[in-house]
């Protein structure tokens, strides 16, 4: 019976530590990319029509 309790306590503590690590990673890692998006201004009529369809 003592082995069962020990295994139960160790599995619960392992799950808590495992979850805690992923929670810390969620706060530490950035959510968005730092890349800049370049918007091209349409010059011709065909580019304006294509841009308006987007």
N, C-alpha and C. Protein backbone atom coordinates (compact mmCIF):
# COMPACT_ATOMS: atom_id res chain seq x y z
N UNK A 1 0.82 -1.20 0.00
CA UNK A 1 0.00 0.00 0.00
C UNK A 1 0.86 1.26 0.00
N UNK A 2 2.02 1.20 0.64
CA UNK A 2 2.90 2.35 0.68
C UNK A 2 3.49 2.66 -0.70
N UNK A 3 3.77 1.61 -1.47
CA UNK A 3 4.28 1.83 -2.83
C UNK A 3 3.25 2.53 -3.70
N UNK A 4 1.99 2.17 -3.52
CA UNK A 4 0.94 2.80 -4.31
C UNK A 4 0.82 4.29 -3.97
N UNK A 5 0.88 4.63 -2.70
CA UNK A 5 0.79 6.04 -2.29
C UNK A 5 1.99 6.82 -2.79
N UNK A 6 3.16 6.21 -2.72
CA UNK A 6 4.37 6.88 -3.20
C UNK A 6 4.29 7.14 -4.70
N UNK A 7 3.84 6.15 -5.46
CA UNK A 7 3.69 6.33 -6.90
C UNK A 7 2.65 7.38 -7.21
N UNK A 8 1.57 7.42 -6.46
CA UNK A 8 0.52 8.41 -6.68
C UNK A 8 1.02 9.82 -6.39
N UNK A 9 1.74 9.98 -5.30
CA UNK A 9 2.28 11.30 -4.95
C UNK A 9 3.32 11.74 -5.97
N UNK A 10 4.19 10.83 -6.38
CA UNK A 10 5.21 11.18 -7.37
C UNK A 10 4.60 11.52 -8.73
N UNK A 11 3.56 10.83 -9.13
CA UNK A 11 2.93 11.13 -10.41
C UNK A 11 2.21 12.47 -10.36
N UNK A 12 1.59 12.79 -9.23
CA UNK A 12 0.93 14.09 -9.10
C UNK A 12 1.96 15.22 -9.10
N UNK A 13 3.04 15.06 -8.36
CA UNK A 13 4.08 16.08 -8.34
C UNK A 13 4.75 16.23 -9.70
N UNK A 14 4.94 15.12 -10.40
CA UNK A 14 5.51 15.20 -11.75
C UNK A 14 4.59 15.93 -12.71
N UNK A 15 3.31 15.70 -12.61
CA UNK A 15 2.35 16.42 -13.45
C UNK A 15 2.31 17.89 -13.16
N UNK A 16 2.41 18.25 -11.88
CA UNK A 16 2.41 19.67 -11.51
C UNK A 16 3.66 20.36 -12.03
N UNK A 17 4.81 19.72 -11.88
CA UNK A 17 6.06 20.31 -12.37
C UNK A 17 6.05 20.41 -13.89
N UNK A 18 5.56 19.39 -14.56
CA UNK A 18 5.48 19.39 -16.02
C UNK A 18 4.57 20.51 -16.51
N UNK A 19 3.43 20.68 -15.86
CA UNK A 19 2.51 21.76 -16.23
C UNK A 19 3.12 23.12 -15.95
N UNK A 20 3.81 23.25 -14.83
CA UNK A 20 4.43 24.51 -14.46
C UNK A 20 5.48 24.93 -15.49
N UNK A 21 6.24 23.98 -16.00
CA UNK A 21 7.25 24.29 -17.02
C UNK A 21 6.58 24.83 -18.27
N UNK A 22 5.48 24.22 -18.70
CA UNK A 22 4.81 24.70 -19.91
C UNK A 22 4.12 26.04 -19.69
N UNK A 23 3.64 26.30 -18.50
CA UNK A 23 3.05 27.61 -18.20
C UNK A 23 4.13 28.69 -18.25
N UNK A 24 5.30 28.39 -17.70
CA UNK A 24 6.41 29.35 -17.77
C UNK A 24 6.86 29.58 -19.21
N UNK A 25 6.89 28.54 -20.01
CA UNK A 25 7.26 28.70 -21.42
C UNK A 25 6.25 29.54 -22.17
N UNK A 26 4.97 29.41 -21.83
CA UNK A 26 3.94 30.19 -22.50
C UNK A 26 4.11 31.68 -22.21
N UNK A 27 4.56 32.02 -21.01
CA UNK A 27 4.79 33.43 -20.70
C UNK A 27 6.12 33.92 -21.22
N UNK A 28 7.10 33.06 -21.35
CA UNK A 28 8.44 33.48 -21.73
C UNK A 28 8.59 33.64 -23.24
N UNK A 29 7.93 32.78 -24.01
CA UNK A 29 8.10 32.84 -25.45
C UNK A 29 7.20 33.90 -26.07
N UNK A 30 7.69 34.60 -27.10
CA UNK A 30 6.86 35.64 -27.74
C UNK A 30 5.74 35.02 -28.56
N UNK A 31 4.64 35.75 -28.67
CA UNK A 31 3.49 35.26 -29.41
C UNK A 31 3.53 35.63 -30.88
N UNK A 32 4.03 36.82 -31.19
CA UNK A 32 4.00 37.27 -32.58
C UNK A 32 5.42 37.39 -33.13
N UNK A 33 5.50 37.38 -34.44
CA UNK A 33 6.79 37.52 -35.10
C UNK A 33 7.15 39.00 -35.19
N UNK A 34 8.42 39.27 -35.22
CA UNK A 34 8.90 40.64 -35.31
C UNK A 34 9.10 41.09 -36.76
N UNK A 35 8.68 40.26 -37.69
CA UNK A 35 8.88 40.59 -39.09
C UNK A 35 7.95 41.73 -39.51
N UNK A 36 8.47 42.61 -40.34
CA UNK A 36 7.67 43.72 -40.83
C UNK A 36 7.00 43.30 -42.13
N UNK A 37 5.74 43.64 -42.26
CA UNK A 37 5.04 43.35 -43.50
C UNK A 37 5.06 44.62 -44.35
N UNK A 38 5.40 44.43 -45.59
CA UNK A 38 5.50 45.55 -46.52
C UNK A 38 4.26 45.55 -47.39
N UNK A 39 3.52 46.66 -47.35
CA UNK A 39 2.34 46.79 -48.20
C UNK A 39 2.74 47.52 -49.48
N UNK A 40 2.50 46.85 -50.58
CA UNK A 40 2.82 47.44 -51.87
C UNK A 40 1.63 48.25 -52.36
N UNK A 41 1.88 49.49 -52.73
CA UNK A 41 0.82 50.35 -53.25
C UNK A 41 0.62 50.03 -54.73
N UNK A 42 -0.61 49.68 -55.10
CA UNK A 42 -0.86 49.35 -56.52
C UNK A 42 -0.69 50.58 -57.41
N UNK A 43 0.00 50.37 -58.56
CA UNK A 43 0.28 51.48 -59.46
C UNK A 43 -0.64 51.46 -60.68
N UNK A 44 -0.79 50.29 -61.28
CA UNK A 44 -1.59 50.22 -62.49
C UNK A 44 -3.02 49.78 -62.19
N UNK A 45 -3.85 49.79 -63.23
CA UNK A 45 -5.26 49.42 -63.08
C UNK A 45 -5.39 47.95 -62.71
N UNK A 46 -4.59 47.08 -63.34
CA UNK A 46 -4.66 45.65 -63.05
C UNK A 46 -4.24 45.37 -61.60
N UNK A 47 -3.22 46.07 -61.11
CA UNK A 47 -2.80 45.90 -59.71
C UNK A 47 -3.86 46.41 -58.75
N UNK A 48 -4.55 47.49 -59.10
CA UNK A 48 -5.62 48.01 -58.23
C UNK A 48 -6.78 47.03 -58.15
N UNK A 49 -7.15 46.42 -59.28
CA UNK A 49 -8.24 45.44 -59.28
C UNK A 49 -7.83 44.22 -58.47
N UNK A 50 -6.59 43.77 -58.65
CA UNK A 50 -6.12 42.62 -57.91
C UNK A 50 -6.06 42.91 -56.40
N UNK A 51 -5.64 44.12 -56.07
CA UNK A 51 -5.57 44.50 -54.65
C UNK A 51 -6.96 44.62 -54.04
N UNK A 52 -7.93 45.11 -54.80
CA UNK A 52 -9.28 45.25 -54.26
C UNK A 52 -9.96 43.89 -54.05
N UNK A 53 -9.55 42.87 -54.82
CA UNK A 53 -10.12 41.54 -54.64
C UNK A 53 -9.57 40.86 -53.38
N UNK A 54 -8.40 41.28 -52.94
CA UNK A 54 -7.82 40.70 -51.73
C UNK A 54 -8.56 41.25 -50.56
